[in-house]
């Protein structure tokens, strides 16, 4: 054990500006106790090899949040990179945070409180694209449904009724959902999801008990959807939820994964 409640795991590649911004968001989190593990697979210099990233790491360390920068090559795909990070984790909870996500203050504490109250396998803060804040999409918000109690195990597959929930996380939809709820300070809601991208807090034991991301060996290096498959496996055993308000802001940088023709859940579907 690390003595911390959460290990924040950040895979990064060729995103020095975004990584520094993500670290700045973490530096503003008040709790719970956490450490940060950054694993880089950049083509050139590591994303963390900048003064802004190093400065934010110093801020975190001065606040008692250890930061480790790791170089993990050669690249074997997204799932293998996540599996590597998970193998380094020792805390009861792990937050997989994409390198292009900024967290508003209080987000990590809210996620940690939610997963302890709900007792499920994961909770997620869906990323918000704030350039779409004026683009309200009522039809995409229709699948919204709150959990009335602890999340129950679910099986989500393409084409299922549960699959329709993916629209909840388009554009600035999480922002619009939170606005519609008019939540008071400190209040939050747990809702049903198809999956959550970008910012997901797992019960580490729950994630490891379903194999984590070890299915990377069954995938070609160029793939996507590894987080979807891992969450589906956890949901089937322990349940999962999205949390509003989100507090996770997508930086809307160009994707580093342009080839998404191979989806992990399509390849490994028969074993899930």
Protein backbone atom coordinates (compact mmCIF):
# COMPACT_ATOMS: atom_id res chain seq x y z
CA UNK A 1 0.00 0.00 0.00
CA UNK A 2 1.13 3.57 -0.68
CA UNK A 3 -0.50 5.28 2.27
CA UNK A 4 -2.65 7.21 -0.23
CA UNK A 5 -6.30 6.68 -1.06
CA UNK A 6 -5.94 7.21 -4.81
CA UNK A 7 -3.33 6.61 -7.48
CA UNK A 8 -3.91 9.02 -10.39
CA UNK A 9 -2.75 7.26 -13.57
CA UNK A 10 -2.06 9.43 -16.64
CA UNK A 11 -0.98 7.88 -19.95
CA UNK A 12 0.45 10.54 -22.26
CA UNK A 13 1.89 10.91 -25.72
CA UNK A 14 3.04 14.05 -27.56
CA UNK A 15 0.98 16.40 -25.41
CA UNK A 16 3.29 18.65 -23.35
CA UNK A 17 0.86 21.59 -23.11
CA UNK A 18 -2.10 19.40 -22.25
CA UNK A 19 -0.20 17.38 -19.64
CA UNK A 20 0.91 20.53 -17.82
CA UNK A 21 -2.71 21.69 -17.79
CA UNK A 22 -3.90 18.33 -16.44
CA UNK A 23 -1.28 18.49 -13.68
CA UNK A 24 -2.39 22.03 -12.83
CA UNK A 25 -5.91 20.73 -12.32
CA UNK A 26 -4.63 18.02 -9.99
CA UNK A 27 -2.58 20.56 -8.05
CA UNK A 28 -5.83 22.33 -7.16
CA UNK A 29 -7.47 19.20 -5.66
CA UNK A 30 -7.84 19.30 -1.88
CA UNK A 31 -8.47 15.63 -1.24
CA UNK A 32 -8.38 12.74 -0.74
CA UNK A 33 -4.70 11.84 -0.38
CA UNK A 34 -3.30 10.83 -3.75
CA UNK A 35 -0.15 10.32 -5.77
CA UNK A 36 0.34 10.83 -9.51
CA UNK A 37 1.91 8.36 -11.95
CA UNK A 38 2.56 9.69 -15.46
CA UNK A 39 3.61 7.26 -18.20
CA UNK A 40 4.86 8.69 -21.48
CA UNK A 41 5.03 7.20 -24.97
CA UNK A 42 5.90 10.32 -26.99
CA UNK A 43 7.64 10.06 -30.34
CA UNK A 44 10.20 12.66 -29.26
CA UNK A 45 10.83 14.30 -25.91
CA UNK A 46 8.47 13.17 -23.14
CA UNK A 47 5.37 15.28 -22.57
CA UNK A 48 6.58 15.90 -19.02
CA UNK A 49 9.95 17.34 -20.18
CA UNK A 50 8.77 20.96 -19.97
CA UNK A 51 9.12 23.62 -17.32
CA UNK A 52 5.34 24.00 -16.86
CA UNK A 53 4.90 20.27 -16.23
CA UNK A 54 7.88 20.16 -13.88
CA UNK A 55 6.61 23.24 -12.05
CA UNK A 56 3.19 21.69 -11.50
CA UNK A 57 4.88 18.50 -10.29
CA UNK A 58 6.79 20.59 -7.74
CA UNK A 59 3.55 22.17 -6.55
CA UNK A 60 1.99 18.73 -6.13
CA UNK A 61 4.99 17.38 -4.25
CA UNK A 62 5.08 20.38 -1.93
CA UNK A 63 1.44 19.62 -1.08
CA UNK A 64 2.29 16.02 -0.22
CA UNK A 65 1.17 14.55 -3.57
CA UNK A 66 4.06 12.44 -4.92
CA UNK A 67 4.57 12.57 -8.68
CA UNK A 68 6.42 9.95 -10.73
CA UNK A 69 7.31 10.39 -14.39
CA UNK A 70 7.80 7.16 -16.32
CA UNK A 71 8.86 6.41 -19.90
CA UNK A 72 7.20 3.28 -21.29
CA UNK A 73 8.36 2.12 -24.72
CA UNK A 74 7.93 0.53 -27.20
CA UNK A 75 4.27 1.28 -27.79
CA UNK A 76 2.04 -1.77 -27.85
CA UNK A 77 -1.29 0.03 -27.87
CA UNK A 78 -3.59 1.92 -25.52
CA UNK A 79 -4.69 -1.11 -23.54
CA UNK A 80 -1.11 -2.22 -22.85
CA UNK A 81 -0.20 1.30 -21.72
CA UNK A 82 -3.12 1.30 -19.27
CA UNK A 83 -2.19 -2.20 -18.10
CA UNK A 84 1.34 -0.96 -17.40
CA UNK A 85 0.06 1.94 -15.31
CA UNK A 86 -2.33 -0.29 -13.41
CA UNK A 87 0.55 -2.64 -12.57
CA UNK A 88 2.25 0.26 -10.78
CA UNK A 89 -0.80 1.14 -8.68
CA UNK A 90 -0.99 0.24 -5.01
CA UNK A 91 -3.75 2.46 -3.60
CA UNK A 92 -7.34 1.26 -3.00
CA UNK A 93 -8.64 3.45 -5.82
CA UNK A 94 -7.17 4.38 -9.19
CA UNK A 95 -8.18 7.39 -11.27
CA UNK A 96 -7.46 6.95 -14.96
CA UNK A 97 -7.16 10.53 -16.18
CA UNK A 98 -6.56 11.36 -19.83
CA UNK A 99 -3.74 13.81 -20.48
CA UNK A 100 -6.12 16.32 -22.08
CA UNK A 101 -8.52 16.73 -19.15
CA UNK A 102 -8.52 19.55 -16.59
CA UNK A 103 -10.30 18.99 -13.27
CA UNK A 104 -12.02 21.82 -11.46
CA UNK A 105 -11.32 22.00 -7.71
CA UNK A 106 -13.27 19.46 -5.70
CA UNK A 107 -13.74 16.94 -8.51
CA UNK A 108 -11.50 14.21 -7.10
CA UNK A 109 -13.02 14.55 -3.63
CA UNK A 110 -16.52 14.25 -5.11
CA UNK A 111 -15.62 11.13 -7.08
CA UNK A 112 -13.96 9.56 -4.06
CA UNK A 113 -16.94 10.32 -1.84
CA UNK A 114 -19.33 8.95 -4.47
CA UNK A 115 -17.57 5.61 -4.96
CA UNK A 116 -17.40 5.06 -1.20
CA UNK A 117 -21.07 5.87 -0.75
CA UNK A 118 -22.24 3.86 -3.77
CA UNK A 119 -19.94 0.88 -3.26
CA UNK A 120 -19.73 0.16 -7.00
CA UNK A 121 -16.84 -0.75 -9.28
CA UNK A 122 -16.27 2.70 -10.77
CA UNK A 123 -17.59 6.23 -10.96
CA UNK A 124 -16.79 8.61 -13.77
CA UNK A 125 -16.82 12.33 -14.54
CA UNK A 126 -17.68 12.60 -18.22
CA UNK A 127 -15.55 15.21 -19.96
CA UNK A 128 -17.27 18.40 -21.11
CA UNK A 129 -16.45 20.17 -24.36
CA UNK A 130 -17.17 23.74 -23.35
CA UNK A 131 -16.90 25.09 -26.91
CA UNK A 132 -20.35 23.47 -27.26
CA UNK A 133 -21.88 25.18 -24.23
CA UNK A 134 -24.41 27.00 -26.43
CA UNK A 135 -25.25 23.82 -28.35
CA UNK A 136 -28.09 22.32 -26.30
CA UNK A 137 -29.21 18.87 -27.51
CA UNK A 138 -32.43 17.85 -25.72
CA UNK A 139 -32.79 14.62 -27.71
CA UNK A 140 -29.36 13.42 -26.62
CA UNK A 141 -30.25 14.00 -22.96
CA UNK A 142 -33.34 11.78 -23.06
CA UNK A 143 -31.59 8.55 -21.90
CA UNK A 144 -30.63 10.21 -18.60
CA UNK A 145 -31.68 8.06 -15.65
CA UNK A 146 -30.44 8.32 -12.08
CA UNK A 147 -29.60 5.43 -9.80
CA UNK A 148 -32.09 5.42 -6.95
CA UNK A 149 -29.74 3.31 -4.83
CA UNK A 150 -26.35 1.64 -5.22
CA UNK A 151 -25.58 0.85 -8.90
CA UNK A 152 -26.46 -2.69 -9.87
CA UNK A 153 -24.50 -4.94 -12.24
CA UNK A 154 -25.41 -4.35 -15.88
CA UNK A 155 -24.44 -5.76 -19.25
CA UNK A 156 -23.99 -3.14 -21.98
CA UNK A 157 -23.58 -4.08 -25.63
CA UNK A 158 -23.89 -2.17 -28.92
CA UNK A 159 -27.55 -1.89 -29.85
CA UNK A 160 -28.84 -2.57 -26.33
CA UNK A 161 -31.11 -0.07 -24.55
CA UNK A 162 -28.20 0.73 -22.23
CA UNK A 163 -26.03 1.56 -25.25
CA UNK A 164 -28.25 4.58 -26.04
CA UNK A 165 -26.81 6.34 -23.00
CA UNK A 166 -23.62 7.15 -24.93
CA UNK A 167 -25.25 10.37 -26.19
CA UNK A 168 -25.28 11.77 -22.65
CA UNK A 169 -21.57 12.54 -22.93
CA UNK A 170 -21.47 14.25 -26.31
CA UNK A 171 -20.28 17.85 -26.63
CA UNK A 172 -21.32 19.84 -23.51
CA UNK A 173 -24.17 17.51 -22.56
CA UNK A 174 -22.81 16.84 -19.04
CA UNK A 175 -22.83 20.60 -18.46
CA UNK A 176 -26.42 20.91 -19.61
CA UNK A 177 -27.51 17.95 -17.49
CA UNK A 178 -25.98 19.51 -14.37
CA UNK A 179 -27.59 22.85 -15.14
CA UNK A 180 -30.96 21.16 -15.48
CA UNK A 181 -30.55 19.50 -12.06
CA UNK A 182 -29.75 22.82 -10.34
CA UNK A 183 -27.65 21.07 -7.70
CA UNK A 184 -26.70 22.87 -4.49
CA UNK A 185 -23.00 23.19 -3.52
CA UNK A 186 -21.69 19.81 -2.40
CA UNK A 187 -24.66 17.94 -3.87
CA UNK A 188 -24.18 15.27 -6.53
CA UNK A 189 -26.15 12.70 -8.49
CA UNK A 190 -25.23 9.22 -9.73
CA UNK A 191 -26.66 8.19 -13.10
CA UNK A 192 -26.64 5.23 -15.46
CA UNK A 193 -24.02 5.18 -18.22
CA UNK A 194 -22.97 3.23 -21.27
CA UNK A 195 -19.37 4.07 -20.35
CA UNK A 196 -17.39 7.13 -19.27
CA UNK A 197 -14.38 8.50 -21.10
CA UNK A 198 -11.44 10.55 -19.87
CA UNK A 199 -11.85 10.58 -16.08
CA UNK A 200 -12.82 7.37 -14.29
CA UNK A 201 -12.19 6.39 -10.66
CA UNK A 202 -12.08 2.61 -10.15
CA UNK A 203 -12.09 0.44 -7.11
CA UNK A 204 -8.71 -1.09 -7.91
CA UNK A 205 -9.66 -4.54 -6.64
CA UNK A 206 -12.80 -4.52 -8.79
CA UNK A 207 -10.84 -3.59 -11.91
CA UNK A 208 -8.09 -6.12 -11.28
CA UNK A 209 -10.59 -8.88 -10.48
CA UNK A 210 -11.92 -8.74 -14.07
CA UNK A 211 -8.44 -8.73 -15.57
CA UNK A 212 -7.84 -5.00 -15.82
CA UNK A 213 -6.50 -4.26 -19.28
CA UNK A 214 -4.70 -7.58 -19.73
CA UNK A 215 -6.74 -8.21 -22.88
CA UNK A 216 -4.17 -6.02 -24.67
CA UNK A 217 -2.46 -9.22 -25.79
CA UNK A 218 -5.50 -10.04 -27.94
CA UNK A 219 -5.42 -6.68 -29.74
CA UNK A 220 -3.31 -5.19 -32.51
CA UNK A 221 -1.27 -2.14 -31.44
CA UNK A 222 -3.65 0.21 -33.27
CA UNK A 223 -6.96 0.03 -31.45
CA UNK A 224 -9.42 2.08 -29.41
CA UNK A 225 -12.23 1.38 -26.96
CA UNK A 226 -10.05 -0.29 -24.36
CA UNK A 227 -11.58 1.81 -21.59
CA UNK A 228 -15.07 0.87 -22.78
CA UNK A 229 -14.32 -2.84 -22.58
CA UNK A 230 -12.73 -2.59 -19.12
CA UNK A 231 -15.71 -0.65 -17.80
CA UNK A 232 -18.20 -3.12 -19.26
CA UNK A 233 -16.42 -5.94 -17.46
CA UNK A 234 -16.48 -4.05 -14.16
CA UNK A 235 -20.12 -3.04 -14.68
CA UNK A 236 -21.13 -6.65 -15.23
CA UNK A 237 -19.72 -7.60 -11.84
CA UNK A 238 -19.94 -4.54 -9.61
CA UNK A 239 -21.89 -1.84 -11.44
CA UNK A 240 -20.75 1.66 -12.36
CA UNK A 241 -22.07 5.21 -12.53
CA UNK A 242 -21.53 8.66 -13.91
CA UNK A 243 -21.46 11.56 -11.45
CA UNK A 244 -22.93 15.04 -11.87
CA UNK A 245 -21.70 17.69 -11.72
CA UNK A 246 -18.78 16.43 -13.76
CA UNK A 247 -15.98 18.90 -13.08
CA UNK A 248 -13.90 17.40 -15.90
CA UNK A 249 -13.18 19.70 -18.84
CA UNK A 250 -11.96 18.34 -22.15
CA UNK A 251 -9.18 20.50 -23.62
CA UNK A 252 -10.46 19.67 -27.12
CA UNK A 253 -7.01 19.10 -28.60
CA UNK A 254 -6.66 16.96 -31.74
CA UNK A 255 -6.79 13.26 -30.96
CA UNK A 256 -3.60 11.23 -30.78
CA UNK A 257 -5.60 8.15 -31.83
CA UNK A 258 -6.89 8.95 -35.34
CA UNK A 259 -7.29 5.29 -36.35
CA UNK A 260 -10.29 3.89 -34.47
CA UNK A 261 -11.29 1.14 -36.87
CA UNK A 262 -10.39 -1.61 -34.37
CA UNK A 263 -12.54 -1.40 -31.24
CA UNK A 264 -11.44 -3.54 -28.31
CA UNK A 265 -14.98 -4.63 -27.47
CA UNK A 266 -15.49 -5.93 -31.02
CA UNK A 267 -12.33 -8.03 -30.93
CA UNK A 268 -12.72 -9.39 -27.41
CA UNK A 269 -16.54 -9.46 -27.31
CA UNK A 270 -16.81 -13.24 -27.14
CA UNK A 271 -14.71 -13.35 -23.97
CA UNK A 272 -16.49 -10.60 -22.05
